[in-house]
Amino acid sequence: MLKAEEGKPFKPFVVAAIPAYNEEKTIARVLLQAQRFVDKVMVCDDGSSDLTAEIAERLGAVVVRHERNLGKGAAFKSLFGKALELNADVVVTLDADGQHDPSEIPHLVKPVLSGDVDIAVGSRFLAGNNEMPLYRRFGSRVLNGLVNTFGNGKKVSDTQSGFRAYNRKALTEIDIATEGIGVDSEILLKAYSNDVKIKEVPVSCRFKGVKGSTYNPLRHGVNVVGSIIRYASERRPLLTFGLPGTLVLAAGLILFIYVLQIYFSTKQFAIGYMLTSMIAILVGVFAIFTAIILYTISNLIHKTRNSQKL
């Protein structure tokens, strides 16, 4: 539980962080509703060409501006950095398009304020949200499975939810590298591998009449998969590159032996098979060396971080 200084009543400083890109039609309503349940609202204007930033400033929000559109991950990084500057105890992230209900903020931050968890994830699936389109439901299930593969037994039912609450530990321990929409997955992946406690809280979500994500579903999926591959290559390079490389190398060698058998029996080269086997062998060797190099670098970085902590 968050504690007060001795002799002083403790009131946690809760901040809402809203990434926004060309959201002038909805930002005012979202901001005004959020102000009822937090102490301060921050908006990252991620290179908008409309009046998003001006509206947010007029309504009293702390506005962080990006000169050009960098992506949701970059917006989160700026917002989290600003929240730490403001000494926020809890940061609540929500979308600017109106799909999240700010009145649920007290419900979402409760387990974080009690000290039970470091991150509370608002799950649309635990709440039985039936408004979610079928294609988005299917895509979310697929991405959930991919992200939870690295959960070490931990699982989140809605890994793509942007409605979350974070304490200061989570903000300082998780270093955001992804600039795009894959940031929600990256945060969970890094939380899984660190001593960061996660809990899901059922939340509602509006889809009817909401503009929706700036990213189309296919691009969203590609960004998330890219984040997962980057994480896997950093954390488990031998599994990500070494194992596939070994299998490809083995397949190339087997095909090469087959080519030799054909030559000895017919005195003719199967040129197509030969080229395929050479390519497979080269790709396999390259992947294995890549895995070894990344594994070595990863170990060095890990040892350096541990020595710095000591």
Protein backbone atom coordinates (compact mmCIF):
# COMPACT_ATOMS: atom_id res chain seq x y z
CA MET A 1 0.00 0.00 0.00
CA LEU A 2 1.16 3.54 -0.72
CA LYS A 3 2.13 5.21 2.54
CA ALA A 4 1.95 8.72 3.91
CA GLU A 5 4.81 10.63 5.43
CA GLU A 6 4.86 10.42 9.20
CA GLY A 7 2.30 12.74 10.75
CA LYS A 8 0.70 13.65 7.42
CA PRO A 9 -2.46 12.23 5.84
CA PHE A 10 -1.68 10.54 2.55
CA LYS A 11 -3.55 11.37 -0.62
CA PRO A 12 -2.20 9.60 -3.69
CA PHE A 13 -1.51 11.77 -6.72
CA VAL A 14 -3.34 10.08 -9.62
CA VAL A 15 -2.71 11.22 -13.17
CA ALA A 16 -4.53 10.33 -16.38
CA ALA A 17 -2.31 9.99 -19.46
CA ILE A 18 -3.98 10.26 -22.86
CA PRO A 19 -2.12 9.75 -26.16
CA ALA A 20 -3.93 11.66 -28.91
CA TYR A 21 -3.58 12.07 -32.65
CA ASN A 22 -6.17 14.23 -34.44
CA GLU A 23 -8.83 13.70 -31.76
CA GLU A 24 -10.37 17.20 -31.65
CA LYS A 25 -13.90 15.76 -31.86
CA THR A 26 -13.61 13.61 -28.73
CA ILE A 27 -10.72 14.90 -26.61
CA ALA A 28 -12.81 17.47 -24.72
CA ARG A 29 -15.40 14.97 -23.51
CA VAL A 30 -12.78 12.37 -22.53
CA LEU A 31 -10.63 14.95 -20.75
CA LEU A 32 -13.51 16.55 -18.81
CA GLN A 33 -14.82 13.15 -17.70
CA ALA A 34 -11.34 12.00 -16.63
CA GLN A 35 -10.76 15.19 -14.60
CA ARG A 36 -13.57 14.12 -12.25
CA PHE A 37 -11.62 11.05 -11.12
CA VAL A 38 -7.94 12.08 -11.18
CA ASP A 39 -5.81 14.91 -9.86
CA LYS A 40 -4.28 15.87 -13.20
CA VAL A 41 -4.79 15.00 -16.86
CA MET A 42 -1.88 14.84 -19.31
CA VAL A 43 -2.30 14.68 -23.07
CA CYS A 44 0.41 13.83 -25.58
CA ASP A 45 -0.42 15.55 -28.85
CA ASP A 46 1.38 13.16 -31.19
CA GLY A 47 1.83 15.47 -34.16
CA SER A 48 -1.84 16.30 -34.68
CA SER A 49 -2.80 18.59 -37.55
CA ASP A 50 -6.09 19.63 -35.90
CA LEU A 51 -6.98 21.46 -32.66
CA THR A 52 -6.38 18.53 -30.28
CA ALA A 53 -3.57 20.24 -28.35
CA GLU A 54 -5.29 23.63 -28.16
CA ILE A 55 -8.51 22.11 -26.80
CA ALA A 56 -6.62 20.09 -24.19
CA GLU A 57 -4.65 23.12 -23.03
CA ARG A 58 -7.80 25.29 -22.78
CA LEU A 59 -9.38 22.63 -20.56
CA GLY A 60 -6.43 22.60 -18.15
CA ALA A 61 -4.51 19.51 -19.25
CA VAL A 62 -0.73 19.27 -19.21
CA VAL A 63 0.09 18.91 -22.91
CA VAL A 64 3.24 17.24 -24.23
CA ARG A 65 3.72 17.96 -27.93
CA HIS A 66 5.43 15.91 -30.62
CA GLU A 67 6.33 17.86 -33.75
CA ARG A 68 5.35 14.88 -35.92
CA ASN A 69 3.38 11.69 -35.49
CA LEU A 70 5.70 9.19 -33.78
CA GLY A 71 3.24 6.54 -32.59
CA LYS A 72 1.55 5.35 -29.42
CA GLY A 73 4.74 3.97 -27.89
CA ALA A 74 6.54 7.29 -28.27
CA ALA A 75 3.51 9.06 -26.77
CA PHE A 76 3.53 6.71 -23.77
CA LYS A 77 7.24 7.27 -23.25
CA SER A 78 6.72 11.05 -23.17
CA LEU A 79 3.68 10.79 -20.90
CA PHE A 80 5.36 8.41 -18.45
CA GLY A 81 8.44 10.64 -18.29
CA LYS A 82 6.25 13.67 -17.57
CA ALA A 83 4.30 11.74 -14.91
CA LEU A 84 7.54 10.92 -13.10
CA GLU A 85 8.51 14.60 -13.24
CA LEU A 86 5.16 15.45 -11.62
CA ASN A 87 5.79 12.80 -8.92
CA ALA A 88 2.62 10.91 -9.80
CA ASP A 89 1.83 7.91 -7.60
CA VAL A 90 -0.45 6.26 -10.15
CA VAL A 91 -0.81 6.83 -13.89
CA VAL A 92 -3.96 5.77 -15.74
CA THR A 93 -3.73 5.41 -19.51
CA LEU A 94 -6.82 5.65 -21.68
CA ASP A 95 -7.59 6.33 -25.33
CA ALA A 96 -8.70 9.72 -26.62
CA ASP A 97 -11.41 8.38 -28.92
CA GLY A 98 -13.99 7.78 -26.18
CA GLN A 99 -14.01 3.99 -26.16
CA HIS A 100 -13.00 3.83 -22.48
CA ASP A 101 -15.26 5.00 -19.65
CA PRO A 102 -13.36 7.39 -17.32
CA SER A 103 -15.92 6.72 -14.56
CA GLU A 104 -14.26 3.30 -14.16
CA ILE A 105 -10.91 4.86 -13.21
CA PRO A 106 -11.48 4.46 -9.41
CA HIS A 107 -12.29 0.78 -9.97
CA LEU A 108 -9.15 0.34 -12.11
CA VAL A 109 -6.71 2.07 -9.75
CA LYS A 110 -7.98 0.39 -6.58
CA PRO A 111 -5.66 -2.67 -6.65
CA VAL A 112 -2.69 -0.42 -7.48
CA LEU A 113 -3.43 2.01 -4.64
CA SER A 114 -3.81 -0.88 -2.20
CA GLY A 115 -0.30 -2.06 -3.11
CA ASP A 116 -1.48 -5.47 -4.32
CA VAL A 117 -0.18 -4.96 -7.87
CA ASP A 118 2.03 -2.68 -9.94
CA ILE A 119 -0.11 -2.74 -13.09
CA ALA A 120 -3.88 -3.09 -13.36
CA VAL A 121 -5.07 -4.01 -16.84
CA GLY A 122 -8.64 -3.19 -17.79
CA SER A 123 -9.95 -6.32 -19.50
CA ARG A 124 -12.82 -6.02 -21.97
CA PHE A 125 -13.19 -9.79 -22.08
CA LEU A 126 -13.65 -10.27 -18.32
CA ALA A 127 -16.50 -7.77 -18.52
CA GLY A 128 -18.17 -9.78 -21.30
CA ASN A 129 -18.04 -6.90 -23.78
CA ASN A 130 -20.29 -7.85 -26.69
CA GLU A 131 -19.78 -4.65 -28.70
CA MET A 132 -16.35 -5.71 -29.92
CA PRO A 133 -16.52 -6.64 -33.61
CA LEU A 134 -15.91 -10.31 -34.38
CA TYR A 135 -12.75 -9.66 -36.41
CA ARG A 136 -11.24 -7.63 -33.54
CA ARG A 137 -12.19 -10.29 -31.03
CA PHE A 138 -10.47 -12.95 -33.14
CA GLY A 139 -7.37 -10.80 -33.68
CA SER A 140 -7.14 -10.02 -29.97
CA ARG A 141 -7.32 -13.71 -29.08
CA VAL A 142 -4.46 -14.49 -31.48
CA LEU A 143 -2.29 -11.67 -30.14
CA ASN A 144 -3.12 -12.66 -26.55
CA GLY A 145 -1.77 -16.13 -27.24
CA LEU A 146 1.44 -14.79 -28.77
CA VAL A 147 2.12 -12.35 -25.91
CA ASN A 148 1.24 -14.85 -23.19
CA THR A 149 3.67 -17.37 -24.67
CA PHE A 150 6.38 -15.41 -22.84
CA GLY A 151 4.38 -15.03 -19.64
CA ASN A 152 6.22 -17.72 -17.64
CA GLY A 153 2.87 -19.04 -16.48
CA LYS A 154 1.29 -15.58 -16.19
CA LYS A 155 -1.58 -14.80 -18.54
CA VAL A 156 -3.58 -11.70 -19.39
CA SER A 157 -6.94 -12.08 -21.13
CA ASP A 158 -6.74 -8.69 -22.86
CA THR A 159 -3.14 -7.92 -23.76
CA GLN A 160 -4.19 -5.19 -26.23
CA SER A 161 -6.17 -3.11 -23.74
CA GLY A 162 -4.91 0.46 -23.44
CA PHE A 163 -6.97 1.19 -20.31
CA ARG A 164 -4.48 0.52 -17.50
CA ALA A 165 -3.15 1.83 -14.21
CA TYR A 166 0.57 1.90 -13.33
CA ASN A 167 2.43 2.68 -10.13
CA ARG A 168 5.85 4.36 -10.00
CA LYS A 169 7.67 1.03 -9.82
CA ALA A 170 6.15 -0.07 -13.13
CA LEU A 171 7.00 3.26 -14.77
CA THR A 172 10.64 3.12 -13.70
CA GLU A 173 11.25 -0.61 -14.27
CA ILE A 174 9.78 -0.84 -17.78
CA ASP A 175 11.79 0.91 -20.45
CA ILE A 176 9.68 1.49 -23.56
CA ALA A 177 11.51 0.90 -26.84
CA THR A 178 8.60 0.42 -29.25
CA GLU A 179 7.30 3.61 -30.86
CA GLY A 180 4.16 2.15 -32.43
CA ILE A 181 0.95 0.41 -31.40
CA GLY A 182 2.86 -2.63 -30.14
CA VAL A 183 3.72 -0.76 -26.93
CA ASP A 184 0.87 -2.38 -24.92
CA SER A 185 2.31 -5.81 -25.69
CA GLU A 186 5.88 -4.68 -25.04
CA ILE A 187 4.97 -3.40 -21.58
CA LEU A 188 3.40 -6.73 -20.63
CA LEU A 189 6.32 -8.71 -22.05
CA LYS A 190 8.77 -6.69 -19.97
CA ALA A 191 6.51 -6.90 -16.92
CA TYR A 192 6.45 -10.69 -17.31
CA SER A 193 10.26 -10.85 -17.23
CA ASN A 194 10.64 -8.44 -14.29
CA ASP A 195 9.28 -8.47 -10.78
CA VAL A 196 6.21 -6.48 -11.80
CA LYS A 197 2.85 -7.69 -10.49
CA ILE A 198 -0.15 -7.59 -12.82
CA LYS A 199 -3.87 -7.91 -12.17
CA GLU A 200 -6.84 -7.65 -14.52
CA VAL A 201 -9.93 -5.61 -13.74
CA PRO A 202 -13.16 -5.97 -15.76
CA VAL A 203 -13.97 -2.81 -17.72
CA SER A 204 -16.49 -1.84 -20.35
CA CYS A 205 -15.59 -0.52 -23.77
CA ARG A 206 -17.56 1.34 -26.46
CA PHE A 207 -17.13 0.49 -30.12
CA LYS A 208 -20.35 1.77 -31.66
CA GLY A 209 -19.92 5.34 -32.83
CA VAL A 210 -16.21 5.35 -31.97
CA LYS A 211 -13.76 6.27 -34.71
CA GLY A 212 -11.48 3.39 -33.83
CA SER A 213 -7.75 2.88 -33.96
CA THR A 214 -5.52 4.97 -36.22
CA TYR A 215 -4.03 1.64 -37.30
CA ASN A 216 -5.99 -0.81 -39.39
CA PRO A 217 -6.28 -4.34 -37.90
CA LEU A 218 -3.62 -5.83 -40.19
CA ARG A 219 -1.10 -3.11 -39.45
CA HIS A 220 -1.91 -3.39 -35.74
CA GLY A 221 -1.20 -7.12 -35.83
CA VAL A 222 2.05 -6.67 -37.75
CA ASN A 223 3.26 -4.06 -35.22
CA VAL A 224 2.46 -6.30 -32.27
CA VAL A 225 4.12 -9.33 -33.85
CA GLY A 226 7.15 -7.15 -34.59
CA SER A 227 7.33 -6.13 -30.91
CA ILE A 228 7.12 -9.78 -29.85
CA ILE A 229 9.91 -10.79 -32.26
CA ARG A 230 12.14 -7.96 -31.01
CA TYR A 231 11.51 -9.00 -27.42
CA ALA A 232 12.16 -12.67 -28.20
CA SER A 233 15.37 -11.87 -30.05
CA GLU A 234 16.63 -9.92 -27.03
CA ARG A 235 15.50 -12.31 -24.31
CA ARG A 236 15.62 -15.71 -26.01
CA PRO A 237 17.91 -15.42 -29.04
CA LEU A 238 18.90 -19.10 -29.00
CA LEU A 239 15.26 -20.14 -29.21
CA THR A 240 14.26 -17.40 -31.67
CA PHE A 241 17.14 -17.75 -34.13
CA GLY A 242 19.24 -20.72 -33.00
CA LEU A 243 16.56 -23.42 -33.12
CA PRO A 244 15.04 -22.38 -36.49
CA GLY A 245 18.57 -21.93 -37.87
CA THR A 246 19.55 -25.44 -36.78
CA LEU A 247 16.43 -26.91 -38.40
CA VAL A 248 17.02 -25.03 -41.66
CA LEU A 249 20.69 -26.06 -41.67
CA ALA A 250 19.74 -29.68 -41.10
CA ALA A 251 17.19 -29.53 -43.92
CA GLY A 252 19.83 -28.01 -46.22
CA LEU A 253 22.35 -30.73 -45.40
CA ILE A 254 19.79 -33.48 -45.95
CA LEU A 255 18.86 -31.99 -49.32
CA PHE A 256 22.56 -31.71 -50.22
CA ILE A 257 23.06 -35.41 -49.45
CA TYR A 258 20.05 -36.17 -51.63
CA VAL A 259 21.64 -34.17 -54.47
CA LEU A 260 24.84 -36.22 -54.11
CA GLN A 261 22.85 -39.45 -54.23
CA ILE A 262 21.19 -38.34 -57.47
CA TYR A 263 24.57 -37.46 -58.95
CA PHE A 264 26.19 -40.78 -58.05
CA SER A 265 23.27 -42.73 -59.45
CA THR A 266 22.62 -40.69 -62.65
CA LYS A 267 25.82 -38.66 -63.10
CA GLN A 268 23.64 -35.52 -63.32
CA PHE A 269 23.38 -32.53 -61.02
CA ALA A 270 19.91 -31.59 -59.76
CA ILE A 271 20.68 -27.88 -60.03
CA GLY A 272 17.40 -26.71 -58.50
CA TYR A 273 17.81 -28.92 -55.43
CA MET A 274 21.48 -27.95 -55.21
CA LEU A 275 20.73 -24.22 -55.13
CA THR A 276 17.96 -24.73 -52.58
CA SER A 277 20.25 -26.74 -50.32
CA MET A 278 23.03 -24.11 -50.53
CA ILE A 279 20.60 -21.31 -49.67
CA ALA A 280 19.20 -23.30 -46.71
CA ILE A 281 22.69 -24.05 -45.41
CA LEU A 282 23.76 -20.40 -45.66
CA VAL A 283 20.55 -19.16 -43.99
CA GLY A 284 20.90 -21.76 -41.23
CA VAL A 285 24.53 -20.89 -40.52
CA PHE A 286 23.72 -17.16 -40.52
CA ALA A 287 20.81 -17.66 -38.10
CA ILE A 288 22.95 -19.75 -35.73
CA PHE A 289 25.74 -17.16 -35.68
CA THR A 290 23.16 -14.40 -35.14
CA ALA A 291 21.74 -16.33 -32.18
CA ILE A 292 25.20 -16.78 -30.64
CA ILE A 293 26.08 -13.09 -31.06
CA LEU A 294 22.76 -11.89 -29.63
CA TYR A 295 23.02 -14.34 -26.74
CA THR A 296 26.50 -13.05 -25.90
CA ILE A 297 25.39 -9.41 -26.09
CA SER A 298 22.28 -10.14 -24.01
CA ASN A 299 24.39 -11.77 -21.29
CA LEU A 300 26.81 -8.85 -21.23
CA ILE A 301 23.96 -6.34 -20.91
CA HIS A 302 22.35 -8.43 -18.16
CA LYS A 303 25.63 -8.62 -16.20
CA THR A 304 26.22 -4.88 -16.63
CA ARG A 305 22.74 -4.05 -15.33
CA ASN A 306 23.18 -6.35 -12.33
CA SER A 307 26.54 -4.79 -11.48
CA GLN A 308 25.04 -1.29 -11.73
CA LYS A 309 22.23 -2.28 -9.33
CA LEU A 310 24.81 -3.53 -6.83
